[in-house]
Amino acid sequence: MGISSNASYVEKQRNKGKTMDELLRVEGLKKYFKTPHGMLHAIDDVDFSISKGETLGVVGESGCGKSTLGRVIIKLLPATDGEVYFKGEEILAQKDSIKLRKSLQMIFQDPFSSLNPRMTVGEIIGEPMRINKICPKGEINERVSSLMDTVGLASRYVNYYPHELDGGRRQRIGIARALALEPEFIVCDEPVSALDVSIQAQIINLMQDLQEERGFSYMFITHDLSVVRHISNNIMVMYMGKVVEKAPTEELFSNTIHPYTKALLAAIPLPVVHKGEIERPILRGEITSPIDPKPGCRFASRCPFATDMCKEKTPCLVEIRKSHVVACHRAKEFV
């Protein structure tokens, strides 16, 4: 497929409207934070969509804006500009978020700090049901027990406090709490990064089983590409608040185009012993400030292929292959 301009590509995607399987669509989303030195561009003109029952993996270094993106989508943070459509309805402008909260939930990164230390496991999981009054009070305990069974938490832990459990069990509490309102879309903000590798596998397998059983859609935020490859249908790579590459999972891994994505993939540890050293691209240079960034590619200062145009003109998303888009002035050369 030929390369198209960003204006035509983005306009084409936005004009498509809601498809039958599309659950969530984000258009031109921005989130700026005011600082003493200027406006910090945490998210800058992000576009994507997620279909029912699918997982979009969002990857990038710490500070790239991926967690902020998740919080803005479910309205934990107000957006600076842009639109979010859920089931065809724009939700950012809605003042009443209570009904929306039943459909959009979040699993937080730290399974300890995201839980109230003064509440028991049963109280934490049952709280969303009490607040939203989705069932009679007499049935809450029964539903809590059912959710604990669903996420693999033994019923004997119902009166335990978070500090009395290990990280894996605490994260299962967070998952059960997110499932309490039977949502359709869940933002998973690095839900396994604080866990041991063996526990990570258990949580990821649990989430995949729940998705297959209940048809959830996930936005899975992580910095670990080996994890995101296992769980995602599509992967979106972010750098300094911008989307630099997005493609179906296997397409991204087999036909990586953007230099930043290549560097991320090269950083994945290989479980193979080689006689010689593996040549890996090393990113050098200073990271561009996200405060009132100047025109130009934000990765240019660290990119070994940067030209003068890269430093002067912001690259637009271009479609290189079907469903594979890249924001790079030299993208055609890397195909």
C-alpha atoms as a PDB file:
ATOM      1  CA  MET A   1       0.000   0.000   0.000  1.00  0.00           C
ATOM      2  CA  GLY A   2       1.311   3.421  -0.885  1.00  0.00           C
ATOM      3  CA  ILE A   3       2.137   6.150   1.553  1.00  0.00           C
ATOM      4  CA  SER A   4      -0.514   8.777   2.182  1.00  0.00           C
ATOM      5  CA  SER A   5      -0.280  12.104   3.971  1.00  0.00           C
ATOM      6  CA  ASN A   6      -1.250  12.335   7.620  1.00  0.00           C
ATOM      7  CA  ALA A   7      -4.107  14.704   6.849  1.00  0.00           C
ATOM      8  CA  SER A   8      -5.647  12.295   4.370  1.00  0.00           C
ATOM      9  CA  TYR A   9      -4.973   9.215   6.473  1.00  0.00           C
ATOM     10  CA  VAL A  10      -6.358  10.634   9.731  1.00  0.00           C
ATOM     11  CA  GLU A  11      -9.293  12.253   7.948  1.00  0.00           C
ATOM     12  CA  LYS A  12     -10.028   8.962   6.213  1.00  0.00           C
ATOM     13  CA  GLN A  13     -10.047   7.113   9.548  1.00  0.00           C
ATOM     14  CA  ARG A  14     -12.225   9.723  11.253  1.00  0.00           C
ATOM     15  CA  ASN A  15     -14.705   9.770   8.381  1.00  0.00           C
ATOM     16  CA  LYS A  16     -15.137   6.020   8.595  1.00  0.00           C
ATOM     17  CA  GLY A  17     -17.378   6.537  11.595  1.00  0.00           C
ATOM     18  CA  LYS A  18     -18.377   3.701  13.873  1.00  0.00           C
ATOM     19  CA  THR A  19     -18.055   0.208  12.437  1.00  0.00           C
ATOM     20  CA  MET A  20     -20.145  -2.709  13.653  1.00  0.00           C
ATOM     21  CA  ASP A  21     -17.349  -4.150  15.785  1.00  0.00           C
ATOM     22  CA  GLU A  22     -15.849  -0.872  16.986  1.00  0.00           C
ATOM     23  CA  LEU A  23     -16.234  -0.269  20.709  1.00  0.00           C
ATOM     24  CA  LEU A  24     -13.966   2.716  21.381  1.00  0.00           C
ATOM     25  CA  ARG A  25     -12.608   5.448  19.102  1.00  0.00           C
ATOM     26  CA  VAL A  26     -10.203   8.209  20.094  1.00  0.00           C
ATOM     27  CA  GLU A  27      -9.829  11.254  17.839  1.00  0.00           C
ATOM     28  CA  GLY A  28      -7.270  14.051  18.194  1.00  0.00           C
ATOM     29  CA  LEU A  29      -6.901  13.503  21.943  1.00  0.00           C
ATOM     30  CA  LYS A  30      -4.643  15.945  23.781  1.00  0.00           C
ATOM     31  CA  LYS A  31      -3.693  16.389  27.409  1.00  0.00           C
ATOM     32  CA  TYR A  32      -1.479  19.289  28.505  1.00  0.00           C
ATOM     33  CA  PHE A  33      -0.365  20.092  32.038  1.00  0.00           C
ATOM     34  CA  LYS A  34       0.474  23.643  33.096  1.00  0.00           C
ATOM     35  CA  THR A  35       3.944  23.967  34.646  1.00  0.00           C
ATOM     36  CA  PRO A  36       5.991  26.994  35.785  1.00  0.00           C
ATOM     37  CA  HIS A  37       8.015  26.656  32.570  1.00  0.00           C
ATOM     38  CA  GLY A  38       5.147  26.192  30.099  1.00  0.00           C
ATOM     39  CA  MET A  39       2.645  23.595  28.931  1.00  0.00           C
ATOM     40  CA  LEU A  40       3.752  19.986  29.233  1.00  0.00           C
ATOM     41  CA  HIS A  41       2.414  18.014  26.256  1.00  0.00           C
ATOM     42  CA  ALA A  42       1.655  14.629  27.857  1.00  0.00           C
ATOM     43  CA  ILE A  43      -0.611  13.491  24.987  1.00  0.00           C
ATOM     44  CA  ASP A  44      -0.525  15.222  21.630  1.00  0.00           C
ATOM     45  CA  ASP A  45      -3.110  14.483  18.930  1.00  0.00           C
ATOM     46  CA  VAL A  46      -3.616  10.744  19.431  1.00  0.00           C
ATOM     47  CA  ASP A  47      -5.983   8.717  17.227  1.00  0.00           C
ATOM     48  CA  PHE A  48      -6.905   5.028  17.436  1.00  0.00           C
ATOM     49  CA  SER A  49      -9.830   2.628  17.783  1.00  0.00           C
ATOM     50  CA  ILE A  50     -10.459  -0.675  19.580  1.00  0.00           C
ATOM     51  CA  SER A  51     -12.911  -3.340  18.456  1.00  0.00           C
ATOM     52  CA  LYS A  52     -15.108  -5.461  20.680  1.00  0.00           C
ATOM     53  CA  GLY A  53     -13.285  -8.353  22.296  1.00  0.00           C
ATOM     54  CA  GLU A  54      -9.835  -7.144  21.204  1.00  0.00           C
ATOM     55  CA  THR A  55      -6.755  -5.883  23.010  1.00  0.00           C
ATOM     56  CA  LEU A  56      -4.710  -2.848  22.033  1.00  0.00           C
ATOM     57  CA  GLY A  57      -1.241  -2.884  23.529  1.00  0.00           C
ATOM     58  CA  VAL A  58       0.233   0.563  24.252  1.00  0.00           C
ATOM     59  CA  VAL A  59       4.009   0.582  24.740  1.00  0.00           C
ATOM     60  CA  GLY A  60       6.769   3.110  25.268  1.00  0.00           C
ATOM     61  CA  GLU A  61       9.287   4.374  27.791  1.00  0.00           C
ATOM     62  CA  SER A  62       8.287   5.841  31.125  1.00  0.00           C
ATOM     63  CA  GLY A  63       6.960   9.354  30.584  1.00  0.00           C
ATOM     64  CA  CYS A  64       5.704   8.768  27.045  1.00  0.00           C
ATOM     65  CA  GLY A  65       2.095   9.470  28.089  1.00  0.00           C
ATOM     66  CA  LYS A  66       0.608   5.986  27.927  1.00  0.00           C
ATOM     67  CA  SER A  67      -0.762   5.961  31.495  1.00  0.00           C
ATOM     68  CA  THR A  68      -2.096   9.506  31.100  1.00  0.00           C
ATOM     69  CA  LEU A  69      -3.827   8.363  27.909  1.00  0.00           C
ATOM     70  CA  GLY A  70      -5.666   5.620  29.796  1.00  0.00           C
ATOM     71  CA  ARG A  71      -6.743   7.975  32.566  1.00  0.00           C
ATOM     72  CA  VAL A  72      -8.051  10.579  30.131  1.00  0.00           C
ATOM     73  CA  ILE A  73     -10.051   7.995  28.187  1.00  0.00           C
ATOM     74  CA  ILE A  74     -11.957   6.838  31.272  1.00  0.00           C
ATOM     75  CA  LYS A  75     -12.244  10.425  32.545  1.00  0.00           C
ATOM     76  CA  LEU A  76     -10.023  10.184  35.593  1.00  0.00           C
ATOM     77  CA  LEU A  77      -8.271  13.202  34.060  1.00  0.00           C
ATOM     78  CA  PRO A  78      -9.923  15.927  31.935  1.00  0.00           C
ATOM     79  CA  ALA A  79      -8.823  16.153  28.307  1.00  0.00           C
ATOM     80  CA  THR A  80      -7.336  19.355  26.898  1.00  0.00           C
ATOM     81  CA  ASP A  81      -8.831  18.661  23.479  1.00  0.00           C
ATOM     82  CA  GLY A  82     -10.113  15.827  21.323  1.00  0.00           C
ATOM     83  CA  GLU A  83     -12.958  13.346  21.432  1.00  0.00           C
ATOM     84  CA  VAL A  84     -13.546   9.834  22.741  1.00  0.00           C
ATOM     85  CA  TYR A  85     -16.435   7.803  21.362  1.00  0.00           C
ATOM     86  CA  PHE A  86     -17.717   4.776  23.257  1.00  0.00           C
ATOM     87  CA  LYS A  87     -20.205   2.670  21.298  1.00  0.00           C
ATOM     88  CA  GLY A  88     -20.637   5.605  18.920  1.00  0.00           C
ATOM     89  CA  GLU A  89     -21.374   8.172  21.641  1.00  0.00           C
ATOM     90  CA  GLU A  90     -18.971  10.981  22.564  1.00  0.00           C
ATOM     91  CA  ILE A  91     -18.240  10.641  26.289  1.00  0.00           C
ATOM     92  CA  LEU A  92     -15.778  13.396  27.259  1.00  0.00           C
ATOM     93  CA  ALA A  93     -18.487  16.060  27.101  1.00  0.00           C
ATOM     94  CA  GLN A  94     -20.861  14.073  29.314  1.00  0.00           C
ATOM     95  CA  LYS A  95     -21.154  15.546  32.800  1.00  0.00           C
ATOM     96  CA  ASP A  96     -22.609  12.428  34.413  1.00  0.00           C
ATOM     97  CA  SER A  97     -19.864   9.798  34.597  1.00  0.00           C
ATOM     98  CA  ILE A  98     -21.628   7.389  36.964  1.00  0.00           C
ATOM     99  CA  LYS A  99     -23.393   5.446  34.228  1.00  0.00           C
ATOM    100  CA  LEU A 100     -20.244   5.478  32.126  1.00  0.00           C
ATOM    101  CA  ARG A 101     -18.190   4.074  34.990  1.00  0.00           C
ATOM    102  CA  LYS A 102     -20.145   0.823  34.793  1.00  0.00           C
ATOM    103  CA  SER A 103     -18.847   0.232  31.274  1.00  0.00           C
ATOM    104  CA  LEU A 104     -15.301   1.621  31.595  1.00  0.00           C
ATOM    105  CA  GLN A 105     -12.978   0.390  34.316  1.00  0.00           C
ATOM    106  CA  MET A 106      -9.277   0.399  35.122  1.00  0.00           C
ATOM    107  CA  ILE A 107      -6.760  -1.995  36.638  1.00  0.00           C
ATOM    108  CA  PHE A 108      -3.980   0.066  38.210  1.00  0.00           C
ATOM    109  CA  GLN A 109      -0.250  -0.560  38.065  1.00  0.00           C
ATOM    110  CA  ASP A 110       0.508  -0.801  41.788  1.00  0.00           C
ATOM    111  CA  PRO A 111      -1.692  -3.474  43.381  1.00  0.00           C
ATOM    112  CA  PHE A 112      -0.941  -2.112  46.858  1.00  0.00           C
ATOM    113  CA  SER A 113      -1.370   1.660  46.622  1.00  0.00           C
ATOM    114  CA  SER A 114      -4.547   1.266  44.527  1.00  0.00           C
ATOM    115  CA  LEU A 115      -6.324  -0.602  47.347  1.00  0.00           C
ATOM    116  CA  ASN A 116      -7.728   0.981  50.519  1.00  0.00           C
ATOM    117  CA  PRO A 117      -5.597  -0.426  53.379  1.00  0.00           C
ATOM    118  CA  ARG A 118      -8.475   0.025  55.852  1.00  0.00           C
ATOM    119  CA  MET A 119     -10.905  -2.129  53.898  1.00  0.00           C
ATOM    120  CA  THR A 120     -11.018  -5.906  53.719  1.00  0.00           C
ATOM    121  CA  VAL A 121     -10.895  -7.822  50.458  1.00  0.00           C
ATOM    122  CA  GLY A 122     -14.658  -8.338  50.541  1.00  0.00           C
ATOM    123  CA  GLU A 123     -15.326  -4.654  51.185  1.00  0.00           C
ATOM    124  CA  ILE A 124     -12.995  -3.533  48.375  1.00  0.00           C
ATOM    125  CA  ILE A 125     -14.602  -5.788  45.782  1.00  0.00           C
ATOM    126  CA  GLY A 126     -18.124  -5.047  46.978  1.00  0.00           C
ATOM    127  CA  GLU A 127     -17.724  -1.251  47.144  1.00  0.00           C
ATOM    128  CA  PRO A 128     -18.446  -0.566  43.422  1.00  0.00           C
ATOM    129  CA  MET A 129     -21.638  -2.616  43.675  1.00  0.00           C
ATOM    130  CA  ARG A 130     -22.792  -0.721  46.776  1.00  0.00           C
ATOM    131  CA  ILE A 131     -22.045   2.697  45.261  1.00  0.00           C
ATOM    132  CA  ASN A 132     -23.730   1.946  41.933  1.00  0.00           C
ATOM    133  CA  LYS A 133     -26.574  -0.049  43.519  1.00  0.00           C
ATOM    134  CA  ILE A 134     -26.469  -2.710  40.841  1.00  0.00           C
ATOM    135  CA  CYS A 135     -27.879  -5.397  43.107  1.00  0.00           C
ATOM    136  CA  PRO A 136     -29.703  -5.714  46.479  1.00  0.00           C
ATOM    137  CA  LYS A 137     -27.457  -5.419  49.541  1.00  0.00           C
ATOM    138  CA  GLY A 138     -28.264  -8.983  50.511  1.00  0.00           C
ATOM    139  CA  GLU A 139     -26.741 -10.288  47.269  1.00  0.00           C
ATOM    140  CA  ILE A 140     -23.464  -8.359  47.412  1.00  0.00           C
ATOM    141  CA  ASN A 141     -21.617 -10.924  49.535  1.00  0.00           C
ATOM    142  CA  GLU A 142     -22.673 -13.701  47.191  1.00  0.00           C
ATOM    143  CA  ARG A 143     -21.440 -11.740  44.163  1.00  0.00           C
ATOM    144  CA  VAL A 144     -18.170 -10.905  45.933  1.00  0.00           C
ATOM    145  CA  SER A 145     -17.627 -14.602  46.566  1.00  0.00           C
ATOM    146  CA  SER A 146     -18.351 -15.369  42.914  1.00  0.00           C
ATOM    147  CA  LEU A 147     -15.871 -12.722  41.725  1.00  0.00           C
ATOM    148  CA  MET A 148     -13.167 -14.000  44.057  1.00  0.00           C
ATOM    149  CA  ASP A 149     -13.668 -17.457  42.626  1.00  0.00           C
ATOM    150  CA  THR A 150     -13.504 -16.038  39.092  1.00  0.00           C
ATOM    151  CA  VAL A 151     -10.091 -14.412  39.642  1.00  0.00           C
ATOM    152  CA  GLY A 152      -8.689 -17.323  41.637  1.00  0.00           C
ATOM    153  CA  LEU A 153      -8.853 -15.870  45.142  1.00  0.00           C
ATOM    154  CA  ALA A 154      -9.714 -18.383  47.869  1.00  0.00           C
ATOM    155  CA  SER A 155     -12.850 -17.468  49.845  1.00  0.00           C
ATOM    156  CA  ARG A 156     -10.859 -17.534  53.102  1.00  0.00           C
ATOM    157  CA  TYR A 157      -9.241 -14.227  52.109  1.00  0.00           C
ATOM    158  CA  VAL A 158     -12.542 -12.318  52.138  1.00  0.00           C
ATOM    159  CA  ASN A 159     -11.810 -10.752  55.558  1.00  0.00           C
ATOM    160  CA  TYR A 160      -8.094 -10.200  54.974  1.00  0.00           C
ATOM    161  CA  TYR A 161      -6.575  -6.745  54.506  1.00  0.00           C
ATOM    162  CA  PRO A 162      -4.359  -5.927  51.466  1.00  0.00           C
ATOM    163  CA  HIS A 163      -1.134  -5.814  53.500  1.00  0.00           C
ATOM    164  CA  GLU A 164      -1.711  -9.407  54.575  1.00  0.00           C
ATOM    165  CA  LEU A 165      -1.514 -10.692  50.985  1.00  0.00           C
ATOM    166  CA  ASP A 166       1.255 -10.927  48.390  1.00  0.00           C
ATOM    167  CA  GLY A 167       1.439  -8.890  45.178  1.00  0.00           C
ATOM    168  CA  GLY A 168      -0.218 -11.477  42.971  1.00  0.00           C
ATOM    169  CA  ARG A 169      -3.256 -11.816  45.224  1.00  0.00           C
ATOM    170  CA  ARG A 170      -3.507  -8.032  45.606  1.00  0.00           C
ATOM    171  CA  GLN A 171      -3.574  -7.643  41.840  1.00  0.00           C
ATOM    172  CA  ARG A 172      -6.336 -10.260  41.650  1.00  0.00           C
ATOM    173  CA  ILE A 173      -8.313  -8.067  44.052  1.00  0.00           C
ATOM    174  CA  GLY A 174      -7.851  -5.155  41.656  1.00  0.00           C
ATOM    175  CA  ILE A 175      -9.058  -7.278  38.751  1.00  0.00           C
ATOM    176  CA  ALA A 176     -12.088  -8.501  40.712  1.00  0.00           C
ATOM    177  CA  ARG A 177     -12.951  -4.903  41.638  1.00  0.00           C
ATOM    178  CA  ALA A 178     -12.726  -3.890  37.970  1.00  0.00           C
ATOM    179  CA  LEU A 179     -15.058  -6.765  37.025  1.00  0.00           C
ATOM    180  CA  ALA A 180     -17.611  -5.961  39.721  1.00  0.00           C
ATOM    181  CA  LEU A 181     -19.688  -3.709  37.469  1.00  0.00           C
ATOM    182  CA  GLU A 182     -19.400  -6.033  34.446  1.00  0.00           C
ATOM    183  CA  PRO A 183     -17.642  -3.465  32.208  1.00  0.00           C
ATOM    184  CA  GLU A 184     -17.147  -3.737  28.461  1.00  0.00           C
ATOM    185  CA  PHE A 185     -13.804  -1.918  28.306  1.00  0.00           C
ATOM    186  CA  ILE A 186     -10.904  -2.101  30.773  1.00  0.00           C
ATOM    187  CA  VAL A 187      -7.735  -0.001  30.816  1.00  0.00           C
ATOM    188  CA  CYS A 188      -4.928  -2.184  32.180  1.00  0.00           C
ATOM    189  CA  ASP A 189      -2.168   0.151  33.370  1.00  0.00           C
ATOM    190  CA  GLU A 190       0.916  -2.063  33.608  1.00  0.00           C
ATOM    191  CA  PRO A 191      -1.022  -4.599  35.700  1.00  0.00           C
ATOM    192  CA  VAL A 192       1.880  -7.060  35.928  1.00  0.00           C
ATOM    193  CA  SER A 193       4.970  -4.821  36.040  1.00  0.00           C
ATOM    194  CA  ALA A 194       5.211  -4.970  39.847  1.00  0.00           C
ATOM    195  CA  LEU A 195       4.877  -8.763  39.980  1.00  0.00           C
ATOM    196  CA  ASP A 196       7.295 -11.678  39.775  1.00  0.00           C
ATOM    197  CA  VAL A 197       7.614 -13.345  36.361  1.00  0.00           C
ATOM    198  CA  SER A 198       5.711 -16.483  37.398  1.00  0.00           C
ATOM    199  CA  ILE A 199       2.880 -14.378  38.835  1.00  0.00           C
ATOM    200  CA  GLN A 200       2.866 -12.220  35.707  1.00  0.00           C
ATOM    201  CA  ALA A 201       2.087 -15.278  33.607  1.00  0.00           C
ATOM    202  CA  GLN A 202      -0.781 -16.267  35.910  1.00  0.00           C
ATOM    203  CA  ILE A 203      -2.370 -12.788  35.755  1.00  0.00           C
ATOM    204  CA  ILE A 204      -2.010 -12.499  31.972  1.00  0.00           C
ATOM    205  CA  ASN A 205      -3.519 -15.944  31.441  1.00  0.00           C
ATOM    206  CA  LEU A 206      -6.366 -15.022  33.792  1.00  0.00           C
ATOM    207  CA  MET A 207      -7.081 -11.837  31.845  1.00  0.00           C
ATOM    208  CA  GLN A 208      -7.076 -13.692  28.535  1.00  0.00           C
ATOM    209  CA  ASP A 209      -9.442 -16.343  29.904  1.00  0.00           C
ATOM    210  CA  LEU A 210     -11.811 -13.637  31.170  1.00  0.00           C
ATOM    211  CA  GLN A 211     -11.677 -11.868  27.816  1.00  0.00           C
ATOM    212  CA  GLU A 212     -12.523 -15.064  25.951  1.00  0.00           C
ATOM    213  CA  GLU A 213     -15.329 -15.869  28.367  1.00  0.00           C
ATOM    214  CA  ARG A 214     -16.903 -12.396  28.691  1.00  0.00           C
ATOM    215  CA  GLY A 215     -15.826 -10.547  25.553  1.00  0.00           C
ATOM    216  CA  PHE A 216     -13.982  -7.682  27.262  1.00  0.00           C
ATOM    217  CA  SER A 217     -11.936  -5.171  25.286  1.00  0.00           C
ATOM    218  CA  TYR A 218      -8.600  -4.164  26.836  1.00  0.00           C
ATOM    219  CA  MET A 219      -6.159  -1.324  26.426  1.00  0.00           C
ATOM    220  CA  PHE A 220      -3.047  -2.975  27.826  1.00  0.00           C
ATOM    221  CA  ILE A 221      -0.413  -0.409  28.848  1.00  0.00           C
ATOM    222  CA  THR A 222       3.127  -1.668  29.385  1.00  0.00           C
ATOM    223  CA  HIS A 223       6.796  -1.043  28.658  1.00  0.00           C
ATOM    224  CA  ASP A 224       7.451  -4.759  28.145  1.00  0.00           C
ATOM    225  CA  LEU A 225       7.090  -5.740  24.479  1.00  0.00           C
ATOM    226  CA  SER A 226       7.440  -9.453  25.192  1.00  0.00           C
ATOM    227  CA  VAL A 227       4.378  -9.265  27.448  1.00  0.00           C
ATOM    228  CA  VAL A 228       2.326  -7.121  25.087  1.00  0.00           C
ATOM    229  CA  ARG A 229       3.030  -9.468  22.177  1.00  0.00           C
ATOM    230  CA  HIS A 230       1.444 -12.322  24.092  1.00  0.00           C
ATOM    231  CA  ILE A 231      -1.825 -10.565  24.870  1.00  0.00           C
ATOM    232  CA  SER A 232      -2.451  -7.954  22.138  1.00  0.00           C
ATOM    233  CA  ASN A 233      -4.208  -7.994  18.777  1.00  0.00           C
ATOM    234  CA  ASN A 234      -2.692  -4.626  17.836  1.00  0.00           C
ATOM    235  CA  ILE A 235       0.199  -2.612  19.252  1.00  0.00           C
ATOM    236  CA  MET A 236       0.579   1.174  19.412  1.00  0.00           C
ATOM    237  CA  VAL A 237       4.019   2.630  20.176  1.00  0.00           C
ATOM    238  CA  MET A 238       4.199   6.056  21.837  1.00  0.00           C
ATOM    239  CA  TYR A 239       7.097   8.459  22.252  1.00  0.00           C
ATOM    240  CA  MET A 240       6.853  11.790  24.104  1.00  0.00           C
ATOM    241  CA  GLY A 241       3.067  11.954  23.822  1.00  0.00           C
ATOM    242  CA  LYS A 242       2.945  11.024  20.129  1.00  0.00           C
ATOM    243  CA  VAL A 243       2.013   7.805  18.351  1.00  0.00           C
ATOM    244  CA  VAL A 244       5.055   6.784  16.272  1.00  0.00           C
ATOM    245  CA  GLU A 245       3.890   3.390  15.022  1.00  0.00           C
ATOM    246  CA  LYS A 246       0.770   1.228  15.140  1.00  0.00           C
ATOM    247  CA  ALA A 247       0.117  -2.160  13.542  1.00  0.00           C
ATOM    248  CA  PRO A 248      -1.312  -5.644  14.135  1.00  0.00           C
ATOM    249  CA  THR A 249       0.948  -7.473  16.587  1.00  0.00           C
ATOM    250  CA  GLU A 250       2.683  -9.946  14.284  1.00  0.00           C
ATOM    251  CA  GLU A 251       3.007  -7.322  11.556  1.00  0.00           C
ATOM    252  CA  LEU A 252       4.778  -4.981  13.973  1.00  0.00           C
ATOM    253  CA  PHE A 253       7.228  -7.651  15.090  1.00  0.00           C
ATOM    254  CA  SER A 254       7.976  -9.027  11.625  1.00  0.00           C
ATOM    255  CA  ASN A 255       8.069  -5.689   9.743  1.00  0.00           C
ATOM    256  CA  THR A 256       9.231  -3.095  12.269  1.00  0.00           C
ATOM    257  CA  ILE A 257       9.752   0.289  10.613  1.00  0.00           C
ATOM    258  CA  HIS A 258      10.225   3.153  13.080  1.00  0.00           C
ATOM    259  CA  PRO A 259      13.773   3.414  14.547  1.00  0.00           C
ATOM    260  CA  TYR A 260      12.365   3.850  18.053  1.00  0.00           C
ATOM    261  CA  THR A 261      10.271   0.676  17.785  1.00  0.00           C
ATOM    262  CA  LYS A 262      13.320  -1.192  16.511  1.00  0.00           C
ATOM    263  CA  ALA A 263      15.278  -0.045  19.563  1.00  0.00           C
ATOM    264  CA  LEU A 264      12.498  -1.226  21.890  1.00  0.00           C
ATOM    265  CA  LEU A 265      12.382  -4.637  20.226  1.00  0.00           C
ATOM    266  CA  ALA A 266      16.152  -4.963  20.393  1.00  0.00           C
ATOM    267  CA  ALA A 267      15.991  -4.429  24.158  1.00  0.00           C
ATOM    268  CA  ILE A 268      13.951  -7.615  24.677  1.00  0.00           C
ATOM    269  CA  PRO A 269      16.180 -10.231  26.391  1.00  0.00           C
ATOM    270  CA  LEU A 270      16.713 -13.336  24.253  1.00  0.00           C
ATOM    271  CA  PRO A 271      16.673 -16.726  26.063  1.00  0.00           C
ATOM    272  CA  VAL A 272      19.449 -18.025  23.785  1.00  0.00           C
ATOM    273  CA  VAL A 273      23.159 -18.318  24.475  1.00  0.00           C
ATOM    274  CA  HIS A 274      25.258 -16.984  21.590  1.00  0.00           C
ATOM    275  CA  LYS A 275      28.979 -17.315  21.101  1.00  0.00           C
ATOM    276  CA  GLY A 276      29.364 -13.693  20.136  1.00  0.00           C
ATOM    277  CA  GLU A 277      27.684 -10.486  21.215  1.00  0.00           C
ATOM    278  CA  ILE A 278      24.395  -9.524  19.585  1.00  0.00           C
ATOM    279  CA  GLU A 279      24.522  -6.182  17.834  1.00  0.00           C
ATOM    280  CA  ARG A 280      21.803  -3.959  19.247  1.00  0.00           C
ATOM    281  CA  PRO A 281      20.942  -0.364  18.322  1.00  0.00           C
ATOM    282  CA  ILE A 282      21.906   2.017  21.121  1.00  0.00           C
ATOM    283  CA  LEU A 283      19.941   5.221  21.565  1.00  0.00           C
ATOM    284  CA  ARG A 284      22.173   8.197  22.232  1.00  0.00           C
ATOM    285  CA  GLY A 285      21.514  11.894  22.631  1.00  0.00           C
ATOM    286  CA  GLU A 286      19.302  13.996  24.881  1.00  0.00           C
ATOM    287  CA  ILE A 287      15.584  13.409  25.330  1.00  0.00           C
ATOM    288  CA  THR A 288      13.510  16.266  23.931  1.00  0.00           C
ATOM    289  CA  SER A 289      11.654  18.342  26.530  1.00  0.00           C
ATOM    290  CA  PRO A 290       7.879  17.736  26.481  1.00  0.00           C
ATOM    291  CA  ILE A 291       7.290  21.329  27.624  1.00  0.00           C
ATOM    292  CA  ASP A 292       6.158  23.438  24.665  1.00  0.00           C
ATOM    293  CA  PRO A 293       8.019  21.218  22.169  1.00  0.00           C
ATOM    294  CA  LYS A 294       9.236  22.853  18.975  1.00  0.00           C
ATOM    295  CA  PRO A 295       8.196  21.594  15.519  1.00  0.00           C
ATOM    296  CA  GLY A 296      10.088  18.546  14.384  1.00  0.00           C
ATOM    297  CA  CYS A 297      10.288  14.865  15.236  1.00  0.00           C
ATOM    298  CA  ARG A 298      10.529  14.447  19.006  1.00  0.00           C
ATOM    299  CA  PHE A 299      12.757  11.421  18.495  1.00  0.00           C
ATOM    300  CA  ALA A 300      15.210  13.267  16.209  1.00  0.00           C
ATOM    301  CA  SER A 301      17.762  14.031  18.955  1.00  0.00           C
ATOM    302  CA  ARG A 302      18.173  10.286  19.611  1.00  0.00           C
ATOM    303  CA  CYS A 303      17.645   8.920  16.099  1.00  0.00           C
ATOM    304  CA  PRO A 304      20.743   7.816  14.123  1.00  0.00           C
ATOM    305  CA  PHE A 305      18.888   8.447  10.850  1.00  0.00           C
ATOM    306  CA  ALA A 306      17.672  11.993  11.578  1.00  0.00           C
ATOM    307  CA  THR A 307      18.047  14.655   8.882  1.00  0.00           C
ATOM    308  CA  ASP A 308      17.587  18.408   8.960  1.00  0.00           C
ATOM    309  CA  MET A 309      13.954  17.946   7.912  1.00  0.00           C
ATOM    310  CA  CYS A 310      13.388  15.680  10.938  1.00  0.00           C
ATOM    311  CA  LYS A 311      14.512  18.494  13.219  1.00  0.00           C
ATOM    312  CA  GLU A 312      12.352  21.121  11.536  1.00  0.00           C
ATOM    313  CA  LYS A 313       9.105  19.435  10.487  1.00  0.00           C
ATOM    314  CA  THR A 314       6.848  17.238  12.621  1.00  0.00           C
ATOM    315  CA  PRO A 315       6.340  13.856  10.887  1.00  0.00           C
ATOM    316  CA  CYS A 316       2.803  12.771  10.087  1.00  0.00           C
ATOM    317  CA  LEU A 317       1.335   9.290  10.370  1.00  0.00           C
ATOM    318  CA  VAL A 318       1.594   7.492   7.037  1.00  0.00           C
ATOM    319  CA  GLU A 319       0.161   4.126   6.069  1.00  0.00           C
ATOM    320  CA  ILE A 320       2.985   1.877   4.857  1.00  0.00           C
ATOM    321  CA  ARG A 321       1.146  -1.420   4.796  1.00  0.00           C
ATOM    322  CA  LYS A 322      -2.461  -2.325   5.441  1.00  0.00           C
ATOM    323  CA  SER A 323      -3.289  -1.200   9.014  1.00  0.00           C
ATOM    324  CA  HIS A 324       0.404  -0.388   9.613  1.00  0.00           C
ATOM    325  CA  VAL A 325       1.000   3.331  10.189  1.00  0.00           C
ATOM    326  CA  VAL A 326       4.242   5.121  11.018  1.00  0.00           C
ATOM    327  CA  ALA A 327       5.212   8.701  11.900  1.00  0.00           C
ATOM    328  CA  CYS A 328       8.636   9.040  10.286  1.00  0.00           C
ATOM    329  CA  HIS A 329       9.888  11.208   7.398  1.00  0.00           C
ATOM    330  CA  ARG A 330      12.108   8.352   6.176  1.00  0.00           C
ATOM    331  CA  ALA A 331       9.607   5.555   6.702  1.00  0.00           C
ATOM    332  CA  LYS A 332       9.589   4.531   3.031  1.00  0.00           C
ATOM    333  CA  GLU A 333      13.356   3.909   3.163  1.00  0.00           C
ATOM    334  CA  PHE A 334      13.009   1.446   6.070  1.00  0.00           C
ATOM    335  CA  VAL A 335      10.370  -0.818   4.494  1.00  0.00           C
END
